[in-house]
C-alpha atoms as a PDB file:
ATOM      1  CA  MET A   1      -0.061  -0.010   0.078  1.00  0.00           C
ATOM      2  CA  ASN A   2       1.141   3.311  -0.901  1.00  0.00           C
ATOM      3  CA  ARG A   3       1.980   6.136   1.662  1.00  0.00           C
ATOM      4  CA  PHE A   4      -0.754   8.375   0.389  1.00  0.00           C
ATOM      5  CA  THR A   5      -3.569   5.517   0.813  1.00  0.00           C
ATOM      6  CA  GLN A   6      -2.075   4.764   4.370  1.00  0.00           C
ATOM      7  CA  ALA A   7      -2.209   8.267   5.480  1.00  0.00           C
ATOM      8  CA  LEU A   8      -5.716   8.720   4.078  1.00  0.00           C
ATOM      9  CA  LEU A   9      -6.863   5.652   6.059  1.00  0.00           C
ATOM     10  CA  ILE A  10      -5.202   6.962   9.208  1.00  0.00           C
ATOM     11  CA  ILE A  11      -7.000  10.355   8.852  1.00  0.00           C
ATOM     12  CA  ILE A  12     -10.330   8.799   7.897  1.00  0.00           C
ATOM     13  CA  GLY A  13     -10.143   6.298  10.807  1.00  0.00           C
ATOM     14  CA  THR A  14      -9.035   9.129  13.300  1.00  0.00           C
ATOM     15  CA  VAL A  15     -12.265  11.139  12.109  1.00  0.00           C
ATOM     16  CA  PHE A  16     -14.356   8.141  12.905  1.00  0.00           C
ATOM     17  CA  VAL A  17     -12.975   7.397  16.218  1.00  0.00           C
ATOM     18  CA  ALA A  18     -13.521  11.102  17.165  1.00  0.00           C
ATOM     19  CA  LEU A  19     -17.163  10.464  16.108  1.00  0.00           C
ATOM     20  CA  GLY A  20     -17.304   7.731  18.132  1.00  0.00           C
ATOM     21  CA  ILE A  21     -15.689   9.376  21.175  1.00  0.00           C
ATOM     22  CA  LEU A  22     -18.489  12.385  20.619  1.00  0.00           C
ATOM     23  CA  GLY A  23     -21.151   9.551  20.491  1.00  0.00           C
ATOM     24  CA  ILE A  24     -20.497   8.576  24.049  1.00  0.00           C
ATOM     25  CA  PHE A  25     -21.483  11.973  25.092  1.00  0.00           C
ATOM     26  CA  LEU A  26     -24.041  12.960  22.181  1.00  0.00           C
ATOM     27  CA  PRO A  27     -27.100  10.456  22.307  1.00  0.00           C
ATOM     28  CA  LEU A  28     -28.191  10.555  18.912  1.00  0.00           C
ATOM     29  CA  LEU A  29     -24.426   9.989  17.542  1.00  0.00           C
ATOM     30  CA  PRO A  30     -23.625   6.136  17.523  1.00  0.00           C
ATOM     31  CA  THR A  31     -20.501   5.136  19.201  1.00  0.00           C
ATOM     32  CA  THR A  32     -19.892   1.595  18.131  1.00  0.00           C
ATOM     33  CA  PRO A  33     -20.412   1.788  14.405  1.00  0.00           C
ATOM     34  CA  PHE A  34     -18.037   4.934  14.242  1.00  0.00           C
ATOM     35  CA  LEU A  35     -15.402   3.160  16.355  1.00  0.00           C
ATOM     36  CA  LEU A  36     -15.842  -0.156  14.138  1.00  0.00           C
ATOM     37  CA  LEU A  37     -15.179   2.185  10.970  1.00  0.00           C
ATOM     38  CA  GLY A  38     -12.173   3.557  12.725  1.00  0.00           C
ATOM     39  CA  ALA A  39     -10.819   0.298  13.420  1.00  0.00           C
ATOM     40  CA  SER A  40     -11.264  -1.017   9.808  1.00  0.00           C
ATOM     41  CA  CYS A  41      -9.428   1.855   8.572  1.00  0.00           C
ATOM     42  CA  TYR A  42      -6.780   1.437  11.113  1.00  0.00           C
ATOM     43  CA  VAL A  43      -6.268  -2.200  10.432  1.00  0.00           C
ATOM     44  CA  LYS A  44      -5.314  -1.483   6.994  1.00  0.00           C
ATOM     45  CA  GLY A  45      -3.550   1.945   7.461  1.00  0.00           C
ATOM     46  CA  SER A  46      -1.738   1.551  10.921  1.00  0.00           C
ATOM     47  CA  GLU A  47      -1.185  -1.405  12.874  1.00  0.00           C
ATOM     48  CA  GLN A  48       0.106   0.542  15.941  1.00  0.00           C
ATOM     49  CA  LEU A  49      -3.383   2.679  15.908  1.00  0.00           C
ATOM     50  CA  TYR A  50      -5.323  -0.393  15.411  1.00  0.00           C
ATOM     51  CA  ASN A  51      -3.616  -2.075  18.511  1.00  0.00           C
ATOM     52  CA  TRP A  52      -4.246   1.105  20.618  1.00  0.00           C
ATOM     53  CA  LEU A  53      -7.898   1.189  19.730  1.00  0.00           C
ATOM     54  CA  ILE A  54      -8.693  -2.331  20.406  1.00  0.00           C
ATOM     55  CA  HIS A  55      -6.748  -2.260  23.791  1.00  0.00           C
ATOM     56  CA  ASN A  56      -7.842   1.144  25.015  1.00  0.00           C
ATOM     57  CA  ARG A  57      -9.410   0.453  28.160  1.00  0.00           C
ATOM     58  CA  PHE A  58     -12.353   2.833  27.291  1.00  0.00           C
ATOM     59  CA  LEU A  59     -13.002   2.185  23.633  1.00  0.00           C
ATOM     60  CA  GLY A  60     -11.720  -1.222  23.079  1.00  0.00           C
ATOM     61  CA  GLU A  61     -14.696  -2.620  25.142  1.00  0.00           C
ATOM     62  CA  TYR A  62     -17.136  -1.286  22.667  1.00  0.00           C
ATOM     63  CA  ILE A  63     -15.665  -2.997  19.719  1.00  0.00           C
ATOM     64  CA  LYS A  64     -14.977  -6.347  21.557  1.00  0.00           C
ATOM     65  CA  ASN A  65     -18.382  -6.718  22.827  1.00  0.00           C
ATOM     66  CA  TYR A  66     -19.973  -6.049  19.511  1.00  0.00           C
ATOM     67  CA  ARG A  67     -17.662  -8.380  17.500  1.00  0.00           C
ATOM     68  CA  GLU A  68     -18.399 -11.017  20.083  1.00  0.00           C
ATOM     69  CA  LYS A  69     -22.119  -9.965  20.135  1.00  0.00           C
ATOM     70  CA  LYS A  70     -22.312  -9.738  23.880  1.00  0.00           C
ATOM     71  CA  GLY A  71     -24.396  -6.843  24.553  1.00  0.00           C
ATOM     72  CA  ILE A  72     -24.344  -3.582  26.169  1.00  0.00           C
ATOM     73  CA  PRO A  73     -23.741  -2.983  30.032  1.00  0.00           C
ATOM     74  CA  MET A  74     -27.087  -2.161  31.784  1.00  0.00           C
ATOM     75  CA  LYS A  75     -25.340   1.104  33.217  1.00  0.00           C
ATOM     76  CA  ALA A  76     -24.525   2.068  29.759  1.00  0.00           C
ATOM     77  CA  LYS A  77     -28.185   1.342  28.519  1.00  0.00           C
ATOM     78  CA  LEU A  78     -29.785   3.564  31.199  1.00  0.00           C
ATOM     79  CA  LEU A  79     -27.337   6.159  30.885  1.00  0.00           C
ATOM     80  CA  ALA A  80     -27.658   6.511  27.131  1.00  0.00           C
ATOM     81  CA  ILE A  81     -31.419   6.351  27.198  1.00  0.00           C
ATOM     82  CA  SER A  82     -31.692   8.985  30.021  1.00  0.00           C
ATOM     83  CA  MET A  83     -29.340  11.364  28.130  1.00  0.00           C
ATOM     84  CA  LEU A  84     -31.237  10.736  25.029  1.00  0.00           C
ATOM     85  CA  TRP A  85     -34.518  11.826  26.585  1.00  0.00           C
ATOM     86  CA  THR A  86     -33.023  14.675  28.597  1.00  0.00           C
ATOM     87  CA  THR A  87     -31.316  16.348  25.676  1.00  0.00           C
ATOM     88  CA  MET A  88     -34.308  15.514  23.321  1.00  0.00           C
ATOM     89  CA  SER A  89     -36.963  16.760  25.776  1.00  0.00           C
ATOM     90  CA  TYR A  90     -34.753  19.966  26.041  1.00  0.00           C
ATOM     91  CA  THR A  91     -34.699  20.362  22.308  1.00  0.00           C
ATOM     92  CA  LEU A  92     -38.200  19.769  21.806  1.00  0.00           C
ATOM     93  CA  ILE A  93     -39.427  22.163  24.409  1.00  0.00           C
ATOM     94  CA  PHE A  94     -36.733  25.034  23.947  1.00  0.00           C
ATOM     95  CA  ILE A  95     -35.249  24.732  20.625  1.00  0.00           C
ATOM     96  CA  VAL A  96     -37.431  23.343  17.845  1.00  0.00           C
ATOM     97  CA  SER A  97     -40.903  24.994  17.073  1.00  0.00           C
ATOM     98  CA  ASN A  98     -41.840  23.389  13.963  1.00  0.00           C
ATOM     99  CA  THR A  99     -44.215  20.646  14.655  1.00  0.00           C
ATOM    100  CA  TYR A 100     -43.157  18.261  11.908  1.00  0.00           C
ATOM    101  CA  MET A 101     -39.472  18.668  13.143  1.00  0.00           C
ATOM    102  CA  LYS A 102     -40.550  17.806  16.687  1.00  0.00           C
ATOM    103  CA  ALA A 103     -42.478  14.727  15.367  1.00  0.00           C
ATOM    104  CA  LEU A 104     -39.499  13.509  13.379  1.00  0.00           C
ATOM    105  CA  LEU A 105     -37.238  14.013  16.419  1.00  0.00           C
ATOM    106  CA  LEU A 106     -39.666  12.451  18.717  1.00  0.00           C
ATOM    107  CA  PHE A 107     -39.805   9.344  16.308  1.00  0.00           C
ATOM    108  CA  ILE A 108     -36.102   9.236  16.127  1.00  0.00           C
ATOM    109  CA  ALA A 109     -35.888   9.211  19.864  1.00  0.00           C
ATOM    110  CA  VAL A 110     -38.351   6.380  20.044  1.00  0.00           C
ATOM    111  CA  VAL A 111     -36.446   4.209  17.733  1.00  0.00           C
ATOM    112  CA  VAL A 112     -33.174   4.835  19.320  1.00  0.00           C
ATOM    113  CA  THR A 113     -34.828   4.178  22.731  1.00  0.00           C
ATOM    114  CA  TRP A 114     -36.208   0.777  21.357  1.00  0.00           C
ATOM    115  CA  HIS A 115     -32.802  -0.187  19.737  1.00  0.00           C
ATOM    116  CA  VAL A 116     -30.825   0.419  22.710  1.00  0.00           C
ATOM    117  CA  ALA A 117     -33.369  -1.327  25.029  1.00  0.00           C
ATOM    118  CA  SER A 118     -33.560  -4.326  22.734  1.00  0.00           C
ATOM    119  CA  GLN A 119     -29.850  -5.029  22.844  1.00  0.00           C
ATOM    120  CA  LYS A 120     -28.595  -7.930  25.118  1.00  0.00           C
ATOM    121  CA  ASN A 121     -27.604  -6.974  28.574  1.00  0.00           C
ATOM    122  CA  LEU A 122     -23.835  -7.644  28.902  1.00  0.00           C
ATOM    123  CA  GLU A 123     -24.346  -8.767  32.635  1.00  0.00           C
ATOM    124  CA  GLN A 124     -26.893 -11.315  31.507  1.00  0.00           C
ATOM    125  CA  VAL A 125     -24.827 -12.454  28.773  1.00  0.00           C
ATOM    126  CA  ILE A 126     -21.771 -13.016  31.284  1.00  0.00           C
ATOM    127  CA  GLU A 127     -23.782 -14.758  33.726  1.00  0.00           C
ATOM    128  CA  GLU A 128     -25.199 -17.156  31.227  1.00  0.00           C
ATOM    129  CA  GLU A 129     -21.679 -17.889  29.725  1.00  0.00           C
ATOM    130  CA  GLU A 130     -20.354 -18.498  33.508  1.00  0.00           C
ATOM    131  CA  THR A 131     -23.460 -20.868  34.100  1.00  0.00           C
ATOM    132  CA  GLN A 132     -22.737 -22.805  30.907  1.00  0.00           C
ATOM    133  CA  GLU A 133     -19.205 -23.118  31.972  1.00  0.00           C
ATOM    134  CA  GLN A 134     -19.930 -24.546  35.406  1.00  0.00           C
ATOM    135  CA  GLU A 135     -22.582 -26.929  34.032  1.00  0.00           C
ATOM    136  CA  GLY A 136     -19.814 -28.106  31.649  1.00  0.00           C
ATOM    137  CA  ILE A 137     -17.429 -28.527  34.439  1.00  0.00           C
ATOM    138  CA  GLU A 138     -20.077 -30.528  36.220  1.00  0.00           C
ATOM    139  CA  ARG A 139     -20.780 -32.667  33.452  1.00  0.00           C
ATOM    140  CA  GLU A 140     -17.132 -33.677  33.057  1.00  0.00           C
ATOM    141  CA  GLU A 141     -16.703 -34.316  36.790  1.00  0.00           C
ATOM    142  CA  ASN A 142     -19.568 -36.908  36.519  1.00  0.00           C
END
């Protein structure tokens, strides 16, 4: 791969990672998809940046849990939904006056809430995995 393409992938990957970080704090901006896009750019553009992202103590878990289809921690779900509705309520009451725009924003908030709430709870998935492991150990002992 030539240096220009590599530099371009690093720049684009960094933009995606930055958007992913913003998504942690801004409820309507998704975190995981942007981090995944950043990781995919880094994997081809910079092995060092890819490893940093995957092993980052804050961001790496988003990618790892998504890749392994584990779910979202309940605390993160509650925080995301409460931040979504706090900012959305403020926006609907004080910022937006157009009725159609309010309806659109309300629809988006409902869909995002449904999406977040419908994701598996990470704690339940871990508990189920531990139970399955324990049952496997018990079967092996018998």
